C-alpha cells in the first residue's frame, strides 16, 4: 500500500512542480526515507523541464511555539506546523493578524494528525499543505475558501468525505491524488471546473453537486455524479 501511495505522490509532486509553479523548499519525508522535494527534484532533473521563479521575494519567517509563519499582504501564512498533536485548531489570528493561508507543505506527513479545524479567515490551502497526512480523517473547509492548490491533500488515505464551499473558484491538479479512503465529495459551487484533481483513481467516490452545475457535468461524465 505504501508503495502505491508513494508512487501516486511522486506523480502528484511532479505534476505540481510542472503545472502549479516551480517552488522548491525543504519539506518533510513522505515514506521510504524519500521526501516529496527529493522526488520532485529527481523528476525535474530527469525531465530537465522546469522554469525558474519569475520573482523571488525576501521571506521573513517567524518561529512560534506551534507554528512557523510569515505575514504576506496583510495575512498570516502558516509555513510549518511543529507540534505532534492529533487534533489541531489553527487560530483565526496570530498577533492580531488574520490567518489567511495554510502554506506550502506546512503539515506534510504529520503521521499523528487526525483532525484539523481551520478558521473562517483562511482563503487558500497551499500546495501540498496536508500531503501524506495518512491519519487525517476530519478537516473543515471554511466558507470563504477561494483556492485549493496542487496536491494539497495528496495521500490523505483516511479522509472519507469533504465539502467544497461555494466560494472556491479553483482546485488545482492532483489535489486529491491517492485519497483512497474518500467516498463522498460535495461540491457547492455552480461553476467549479475539474482540473485533474485525481478523482479518476477513486473508484468508490461519489460526487454530490447541484443539478445543472459544472460539477454535475464533469462528475457525470466520470460516472460519479449524484444530485444533492
C-alpha atoms as a PDB file:
ATOM      1  CA  UNK A   1       0.000   0.000   0.000  1.00  0.00           C
ATOM      2  CA  UNK A   2       2.781   2.435   0.913  1.00  0.00           C
ATOM      3  CA  UNK A   3       4.478   1.763  -2.435  1.00  0.00           C
ATOM      4  CA  UNK A   4       1.257   2.580  -4.282  1.00  0.00           C
ATOM      5  CA  UNK A   5       0.703   5.746  -2.268  1.00  0.00           C
ATOM      6  CA  UNK A   6       4.305   6.835  -2.723  1.00  0.00           C
ATOM      7  CA  UNK A   7       4.145   6.270  -6.479  1.00  0.00           C
ATOM      8  CA  UNK A   8       0.994   8.379  -6.628  1.00  0.00           C
ATOM      9  CA  UNK A   9       2.621  11.081  -4.509  1.00  0.00           C
ATOM     10  CA  UNK A  10       5.659  11.158  -6.793  1.00  0.00           C
ATOM     11  CA  UNK A  11       3.291  11.653  -9.728  1.00  0.00           C
ATOM     12  CA  UNK A  12       1.442  14.371  -7.840  1.00  0.00           C
ATOM     13  CA  UNK A  13       4.661  16.098  -6.845  1.00  0.00           C
ATOM     14  CA  UNK A  14       5.934  16.036 -10.408  1.00  0.00           C
ATOM     15  CA  UNK A  15       2.609  17.374 -11.704  1.00  0.00           C
ATOM     16  CA  UNK A  16       2.555  20.079  -9.052  1.00  0.00           C
ATOM     17  CA  UNK A  17       6.055  21.157  -9.928  1.00  0.00           C
ATOM     18  CA  UNK A  18       5.414  21.403 -13.658  1.00  0.00           C
ATOM     19  CA  UNK A  19       1.813  22.588 -13.564  1.00  0.00           C
ATOM     20  CA  UNK A  20       1.362  24.687 -10.443  1.00  0.00           C
ATOM     21  CA  UNK A  21       4.600  26.599 -10.143  1.00  0.00           C
ATOM     22  CA  UNK A  22       8.239  25.866  -9.562  1.00  0.00           C
ATOM     23  CA  UNK A  23       8.744  26.463  -5.870  1.00  0.00           C
ATOM     24  CA  UNK A  24      11.428  24.341  -4.194  1.00  0.00           C
ATOM     25  CA  UNK A  25      11.718  24.224  -0.411  1.00  0.00           C
ATOM     26  CA  UNK A  26      12.894  21.799   2.223  1.00  0.00           C
ATOM     27  CA  UNK A  27       9.985  19.630   3.315  1.00  0.00           C
ATOM     28  CA  UNK A  28       9.490  16.528   5.478  1.00  0.00           C
ATOM     29  CA  UNK A  29       9.742  12.930   4.497  1.00  0.00           C
ATOM     30  CA  UNK A  30       6.898  11.109   2.759  1.00  0.00           C
ATOM     31  CA  UNK A  31       7.770   7.442   3.023  1.00  0.00           C
ATOM     32  CA  UNK A  32      10.672   5.167   2.394  1.00  0.00           C
ATOM     33  CA  UNK A  33      13.019   7.915   3.619  1.00  0.00           C
ATOM     34  CA  UNK A  34      12.410   9.908   0.455  1.00  0.00           C
ATOM     35  CA  UNK A  35      10.900  13.372   0.646  1.00  0.00           C
ATOM     36  CA  UNK A  36       8.409  14.946  -1.737  1.00  0.00           C
ATOM     37  CA  UNK A  37      11.023  17.560  -2.566  1.00  0.00           C
ATOM     38  CA  UNK A  38      13.562  14.850  -3.431  1.00  0.00           C
ATOM     39  CA  UNK A  39      11.010  13.114  -5.620  1.00  0.00           C
ATOM     40  CA  UNK A  40      10.220  16.370  -7.367  1.00  0.00           C
ATOM     41  CA  UNK A  41      13.892  17.225  -7.796  1.00  0.00           C
ATOM     42  CA  UNK A  42      14.612  13.838  -9.331  1.00  0.00           C
ATOM     43  CA  UNK A  43      11.664  14.140 -11.689  1.00  0.00           C
ATOM     44  CA  UNK A  44      12.700  17.626 -12.721  1.00  0.00           C
ATOM     45  CA  UNK A  45      16.343  16.637 -13.194  1.00  0.00           C
ATOM     46  CA  UNK A  46      15.284  13.761 -15.404  1.00  0.00           C
ATOM     47  CA  UNK A  47      12.874  15.862 -17.424  1.00  0.00           C
ATOM     48  CA  UNK A  48      15.036  18.990 -17.350  1.00  0.00           C
ATOM     49  CA  UNK A  49      11.878  20.974 -17.964  1.00  0.00           C
ATOM     50  CA  UNK A  50      11.251  23.365 -15.090  1.00  0.00           C
ATOM     51  CA  UNK A  51      11.381  27.145 -15.339  1.00  0.00           C
ATOM     52  CA  UNK A  52      12.982  29.378 -12.686  1.00  0.00           C
ATOM     53  CA  UNK A  53      10.828  31.530 -10.450  1.00  0.00           C
ATOM     54  CA  UNK A  54       9.730  34.705 -12.155  1.00  0.00           C
ATOM     55  CA  UNK A  55      10.209  36.675  -8.963  1.00  0.00           C
ATOM     56  CA  UNK A  56      11.948  35.984  -5.683  1.00  0.00           C
ATOM     57  CA  UNK A  57      10.878  37.811  -2.549  1.00  0.00           C
ATOM     58  CA  UNK A  58      12.634  38.001   0.770  1.00  0.00           C
ATOM     59  CA  UNK A  59      10.942  35.806   3.345  1.00  0.00           C
ATOM     60  CA  UNK A  60      10.577  36.738   6.988  1.00  0.00           C
ATOM     61  CA  UNK A  61       9.653  33.545   8.819  1.00  0.00           C
ATOM     62  CA  UNK A  62       8.579  33.937  12.426  1.00  0.00           C
ATOM     63  CA  UNK A  63       9.047  30.935  14.699  1.00  0.00           C
ATOM     64  CA  UNK A  64       6.379  30.439  17.366  1.00  0.00           C
ATOM     65  CA  UNK A  65       5.714  27.541  19.722  1.00  0.00           C
ATOM     66  CA  UNK A  66       3.372  25.570  17.462  1.00  0.00           C
ATOM     67  CA  UNK A  67       3.749  27.202  14.061  1.00  0.00           C
ATOM     68  CA  UNK A  68       6.269  28.921  11.863  1.00  0.00           C
ATOM     69  CA  UNK A  69       4.615  31.643   9.816  1.00  0.00           C
ATOM     70  CA  UNK A  70       5.112  34.753   7.744  1.00  0.00           C
ATOM     71  CA  UNK A  71       2.937  37.767   7.073  1.00  0.00           C
ATOM     72  CA  UNK A  72       2.185  38.304   3.379  1.00  0.00           C
ATOM     73  CA  UNK A  73      -0.143  41.004   2.023  1.00  0.00           C
ATOM     74  CA  UNK A  74      -1.650  41.603   5.436  1.00  0.00           C
ATOM     75  CA  UNK A  75      -2.374  37.957   6.210  1.00  0.00           C
ATOM     76  CA  UNK A  76      -0.597  35.190   8.112  1.00  0.00           C
ATOM     77  CA  UNK A  77       0.632  32.235   6.071  1.00  0.00           C
ATOM     78  CA  UNK A  78       1.310  29.138   8.179  1.00  0.00           C
ATOM     79  CA  UNK A  79       4.595  27.789   6.813  1.00  0.00           C
ATOM     80  CA  UNK A  80       5.146  24.865   9.178  1.00  0.00           C
ATOM     81  CA  UNK A  81       3.365  23.036  11.971  1.00  0.00           C
ATOM     82  CA  UNK A  82       5.897  21.914  14.581  1.00  0.00           C
ATOM     83  CA  UNK A  83       3.643  20.093  17.041  1.00  0.00           C
ATOM     84  CA  UNK A  84       2.616  16.451  17.314  1.00  0.00           C
ATOM     85  CA  UNK A  85      -0.989  16.868  18.449  1.00  0.00           C
ATOM     86  CA  UNK A  86      -3.625  14.670  16.845  1.00  0.00           C
ATOM     87  CA  UNK A  87      -6.283  17.395  16.997  1.00  0.00           C
ATOM     88  CA  UNK A  88      -5.129  20.797  15.776  1.00  0.00           C
ATOM     89  CA  UNK A  89      -7.066  24.059  15.757  1.00  0.00           C
ATOM     90  CA  UNK A  90      -5.448  26.777  13.688  1.00  0.00           C
ATOM     91  CA  UNK A  91      -6.107  30.188  15.257  1.00  0.00           C
ATOM     92  CA  UNK A  92      -8.057  32.871  13.382  1.00  0.00           C
ATOM     93  CA  UNK A  93      -5.372  35.432  14.249  1.00  0.00           C
ATOM     94  CA  UNK A  94      -1.738  35.482  15.251  1.00  0.00           C
ATOM     95  CA  UNK A  95      -0.556  38.688  16.948  1.00  0.00           C
ATOM     96  CA  UNK A  96      -3.700  40.440  15.713  1.00  0.00           C
ATOM     97  CA  UNK A  97      -3.194  39.475  12.052  1.00  0.00           C
ATOM     98  CA  UNK A  98      -5.717  37.139  10.384  1.00  0.00           C
ATOM     99  CA  UNK A  99      -4.548  33.701   9.283  1.00  0.00           C
ATOM    100  CA  UNK A 100      -5.333  33.550   5.571  1.00  0.00           C
ATOM    101  CA  UNK A 101      -3.353  30.604   4.211  1.00  0.00           C
ATOM    102  CA  UNK A 102      -2.046  27.176   5.124  1.00  0.00           C
ATOM    103  CA  UNK A 103       1.181  27.284   3.183  1.00  0.00           C
ATOM    104  CA  UNK A 104       3.489  25.147   1.080  1.00  0.00           C
ATOM    105  CA  UNK A 105       3.737  21.621   2.613  1.00  0.00           C
ATOM    106  CA  UNK A 106       3.037  23.099   6.061  1.00  0.00           C
ATOM    107  CA  UNK A 107       1.633  19.870   7.545  1.00  0.00           C
ATOM    108  CA  UNK A 108       3.232  17.362   5.198  1.00  0.00           C
ATOM    109  CA  UNK A 109       3.478  13.773   6.513  1.00  0.00           C
ATOM    110  CA  UNK A 110       2.289  14.572  10.046  1.00  0.00           C
ATOM    111  CA  UNK A 111       1.558  10.977  10.994  1.00  0.00           C
ATOM    112  CA  UNK A 112      -0.151  11.819  14.301  1.00  0.00           C
ATOM    113  CA  UNK A 113      -2.638  14.223  12.756  1.00  0.00           C
ATOM    114  CA  UNK A 114      -6.295  13.132  12.911  1.00  0.00           C
ATOM    115  CA  UNK A 115      -8.347  16.333  12.811  1.00  0.00           C
ATOM    116  CA  UNK A 116      -7.734  19.939  11.753  1.00  0.00           C
ATOM    117  CA  UNK A 117     -10.025  22.894  12.383  1.00  0.00           C
ATOM    118  CA  UNK A 118      -9.444  25.818  10.025  1.00  0.00           C
ATOM    119  CA  UNK A 119     -10.645  29.336  10.868  1.00  0.00           C
ATOM    120  CA  UNK A 120     -13.089  31.136   8.589  1.00  0.00           C
ATOM    121  CA  UNK A 121     -10.311  33.599   7.700  1.00  0.00           C
ATOM    122  CA  UNK A 122      -8.438  31.013   5.590  1.00  0.00           C
ATOM    123  CA  UNK A 123      -8.829  31.636   1.851  1.00  0.00           C
ATOM    124  CA  UNK A 124      -6.062  29.398   0.438  1.00  0.00           C
ATOM    125  CA  UNK A 125      -4.892  25.871   1.201  1.00  0.00           C
ATOM    126  CA  UNK A 126      -1.441  25.803  -0.314  1.00  0.00           C
ATOM    127  CA  UNK A 127       0.443  23.328  -2.441  1.00  0.00           C
ATOM    128  CA  UNK A 128       0.946  20.022  -0.627  1.00  0.00           C
ATOM    129  CA  UNK A 129      -0.302  21.578   2.621  1.00  0.00           C
ATOM    130  CA  UNK A 130      -1.567  18.267   4.028  1.00  0.00           C
ATOM    131  CA  UNK A 131       0.198  15.871   1.652  1.00  0.00           C
ATOM    132  CA  UNK A 132       0.686  12.351   3.039  1.00  0.00           C
ATOM    133  CA  UNK A 133      -1.131  13.049   6.324  1.00  0.00           C
ATOM    134  CA  UNK A 134      -2.288   9.450   6.291  1.00  0.00           C
ATOM    135  CA  UNK A 135      -4.216   9.644   9.572  1.00  0.00           C
ATOM    136  CA  UNK A 136      -6.109  12.834   8.750  1.00  0.00           C
ATOM    137  CA  UNK A 137      -9.781  11.894   8.950  1.00  0.00           C
ATOM    138  CA  UNK A 138     -11.517  15.218   9.500  1.00  0.00           C
ATOM    139  CA  UNK A 139     -10.991  18.767   8.239  1.00  0.00           C
ATOM    140  CA  UNK A 140     -13.405  21.617   7.634  1.00  0.00           C
ATOM    141  CA  UNK A 141     -13.107  23.845   4.583  1.00  0.00           C
ATOM    142  CA  UNK A 142     -14.074  27.427   5.560  1.00  0.00           C
ATOM    143  CA  UNK A 143     -16.958  29.102   3.727  1.00  0.00           C
ATOM    144  CA  UNK A 144     -14.647  31.866   2.490  1.00  0.00           C
ATOM    145  CA  UNK A 145     -12.080  29.490   0.987  1.00  0.00           C
ATOM    146  CA  UNK A 146     -11.100  30.504  -2.562  1.00  0.00           C
ATOM    147  CA  UNK A 147      -8.458  28.039  -3.734  1.00  0.00           C
ATOM    148  CA  UNK A 148      -7.033  24.592  -3.038  1.00  0.00           C
ATOM    149  CA  UNK A 149      -3.609  24.289  -4.599  1.00  0.00           C
ATOM    150  CA  UNK A 150      -1.773  21.426  -6.256  1.00  0.00           C
ATOM    151  CA  UNK A 151      -1.504  18.202  -4.247  1.00  0.00           C
ATOM    152  CA  UNK A 152      -2.976  19.816  -1.133  1.00  0.00           C
ATOM    153  CA  UNK A 153      -4.476  16.569   0.190  1.00  0.00           C
ATOM    154  CA  UNK A 154      -2.497  14.005  -1.822  1.00  0.00           C
ATOM    155  CA  UNK A 155      -2.127  10.743   0.073  1.00  0.00           C
ATOM    156  CA  UNK A 156      -4.683  11.542   2.798  1.00  0.00           C
ATOM    157  CA  UNK A 157      -5.929   7.964   2.836  1.00  0.00           C
ATOM    158  CA  UNK A 158      -8.131   8.338   5.943  1.00  0.00           C
ATOM    159  CA  UNK A 159     -10.126  11.284   4.610  1.00  0.00           C
ATOM    160  CA  UNK A 160     -13.532   9.814   3.746  1.00  0.00           C
ATOM    161  CA  UNK A 161     -15.587  12.911   2.951  1.00  0.00           C
ATOM    162  CA  UNK A 162     -15.139  16.566   2.156  1.00  0.00           C
ATOM    163  CA  UNK A 163     -17.397  19.501   1.326  1.00  0.00           C
ATOM    164  CA  UNK A 164     -16.046  22.175  -1.014  1.00  0.00           C
ATOM    165  CA  UNK A 165     -17.644  25.575  -0.266  1.00  0.00           C
ATOM    166  CA  UNK A 166     -19.437  27.594  -2.931  1.00  0.00           C
ATOM    167  CA  UNK A 167     -16.794  30.345  -2.887  1.00  0.00           C
ATOM    168  CA  UNK A 168     -13.994  28.056  -4.081  1.00  0.00           C
ATOM    169  CA  UNK A 169     -13.072  29.161  -7.598  1.00  0.00           C
ATOM    170  CA  UNK A 170     -10.259  26.725  -8.313  1.00  0.00           C
ATOM    171  CA  UNK A 171      -8.881  23.386  -7.208  1.00  0.00           C
ATOM    172  CA  UNK A 172      -5.540  22.633  -8.814  1.00  0.00           C
ATOM    173  CA  UNK A 173      -4.383  19.327 -10.255  1.00  0.00           C
ATOM    174  CA  UNK A 174      -3.665  16.256  -8.121  1.00  0.00           C
ATOM    175  CA  UNK A 175      -5.307  17.866  -5.072  1.00  0.00           C
ATOM    176  CA  UNK A 176      -6.841  14.523  -4.056  1.00  0.00           C
ATOM    177  CA  UNK A 177      -4.436  12.036  -5.617  1.00  0.00           C
ATOM    178  CA  UNK A 178      -4.193   8.760  -3.624  1.00  0.00           C
ATOM    179  CA  UNK A 179      -7.033   9.748  -1.240  1.00  0.00           C
ATOM    180  CA  UNK A 180      -8.041   6.104  -1.390  1.00  0.00           C
ATOM    181  CA  UNK A 181     -10.466   6.276   1.540  1.00  0.00           C
ATOM    182  CA  UNK A 182     -12.576   9.094   0.101  1.00  0.00           C
ATOM    183  CA  UNK A 183     -16.176   8.108  -0.515  1.00  0.00           C
ATOM    184  CA  UNK A 184     -18.066  11.407  -0.877  1.00  0.00           C
ATOM    185  CA  UNK A 185     -17.056  14.793  -2.231  1.00  0.00           C
ATOM    186  CA  UNK A 186     -19.703  17.517  -2.100  1.00  0.00           C
ATOM    187  CA  UNK A 187     -19.291  20.473  -4.458  1.00  0.00           C
ATOM    188  CA  UNK A 188     -21.419  23.518  -3.586  1.00  0.00           C
ATOM    189  CA  UNK A 189     -20.257  25.755  -6.443  1.00  0.00           C
ATOM    190  CA  UNK A 190     -22.243  26.032  -9.653  1.00  0.00           C
ATOM    191  CA  UNK A 191     -19.166  26.796 -11.750  1.00  0.00           C
ATOM    192  CA  UNK A 192     -16.170  24.883 -10.372  1.00  0.00           C
ATOM    193  CA  UNK A 193     -14.233  23.254 -13.215  1.00  0.00           C
ATOM    194  CA  UNK A 194     -12.377  19.968 -12.980  1.00  0.00           C
ATOM    195  CA  UNK A 195      -8.606  20.220 -13.471  1.00  0.00           C
ATOM    196  CA  UNK A 196      -7.302  16.703 -12.949  1.00  0.00           C
ATOM    197  CA  UNK A 197      -7.718  16.509  -9.179  1.00  0.00           C
ATOM    198  CA  UNK A 198      -7.012  12.764  -9.083  1.00  0.00           C
ATOM    199  CA  UNK A 199     -10.641  11.654  -8.743  1.00  0.00           C
ATOM    200  CA  UNK A 200     -10.288   9.179 -11.617  1.00  0.00           C
ATOM    201  CA  UNK A 201      -8.214   6.987  -9.274  1.00  0.00           C
ATOM    202  CA  UNK A 202     -11.011   6.717  -6.688  1.00  0.00           C
ATOM    203  CA  UNK A 203     -13.499   4.072  -7.876  1.00  0.00           C
ATOM    204  CA  UNK A 204     -15.705   4.241  -4.759  1.00  0.00           C
ATOM    205  CA  UNK A 205     -16.119   8.026  -4.822  1.00  0.00           C
ATOM    206  CA  UNK A 206     -19.465   9.753  -5.313  1.00  0.00           C
ATOM    207  CA  UNK A 207     -19.534  13.465  -6.163  1.00  0.00           C
ATOM    208  CA  UNK A 208     -22.591  15.352  -4.907  1.00  0.00           C
ATOM    209  CA  UNK A 209     -23.285  18.606  -6.749  1.00  0.00           C
ATOM    210  CA  UNK A 210     -26.177  20.898  -7.691  1.00  0.00           C
ATOM    211  CA  UNK A 211     -28.211  19.763 -10.672  1.00  0.00           C
ATOM    212  CA  UNK A 212     -27.109  21.615 -13.804  1.00  0.00           C
ATOM    213  CA  UNK A 213     -23.794  22.708 -12.276  1.00  0.00           C
ATOM    214  CA  UNK A 214     -20.394  22.353 -13.911  1.00  0.00           C
ATOM    215  CA  UNK A 215     -19.553  19.650 -11.358  1.00  0.00           C
ATOM    216  CA  UNK A 216     -22.653  17.674 -12.262  1.00  0.00           C
ATOM    217  CA  UNK A 217     -21.457  17.590 -15.875  1.00  0.00           C
ATOM    218  CA  UNK A 218     -17.862  16.506 -15.312  1.00  0.00           C
ATOM    219  CA  UNK A 219     -18.726  14.140 -12.463  1.00  0.00           C
ATOM    220  CA  UNK A 220     -21.488  12.659 -14.583  1.00  0.00           C
ATOM    221  CA  UNK A 221     -19.005  12.043 -17.382  1.00  0.00           C
ATOM    222  CA  UNK A 222     -16.857  10.142 -14.855  1.00  0.00           C
ATOM    223  CA  UNK A 223     -19.838   8.088 -13.697  1.00  0.00           C
ATOM    224  CA  UNK A 224     -19.523   9.506 -10.170  1.00  0.00           C
ATOM    225  CA  UNK A 225     -22.348  12.050 -10.019  1.00  0.00           C
ATOM    226  CA  UNK A 226     -25.256  12.228  -7.587  1.00  0.00           C
ATOM    227  CA  UNK A 227     -27.557  15.238  -7.091  1.00  0.00           C
ATOM    228  CA  UNK A 228     -27.900  16.514  -3.533  1.00  0.00           C
END
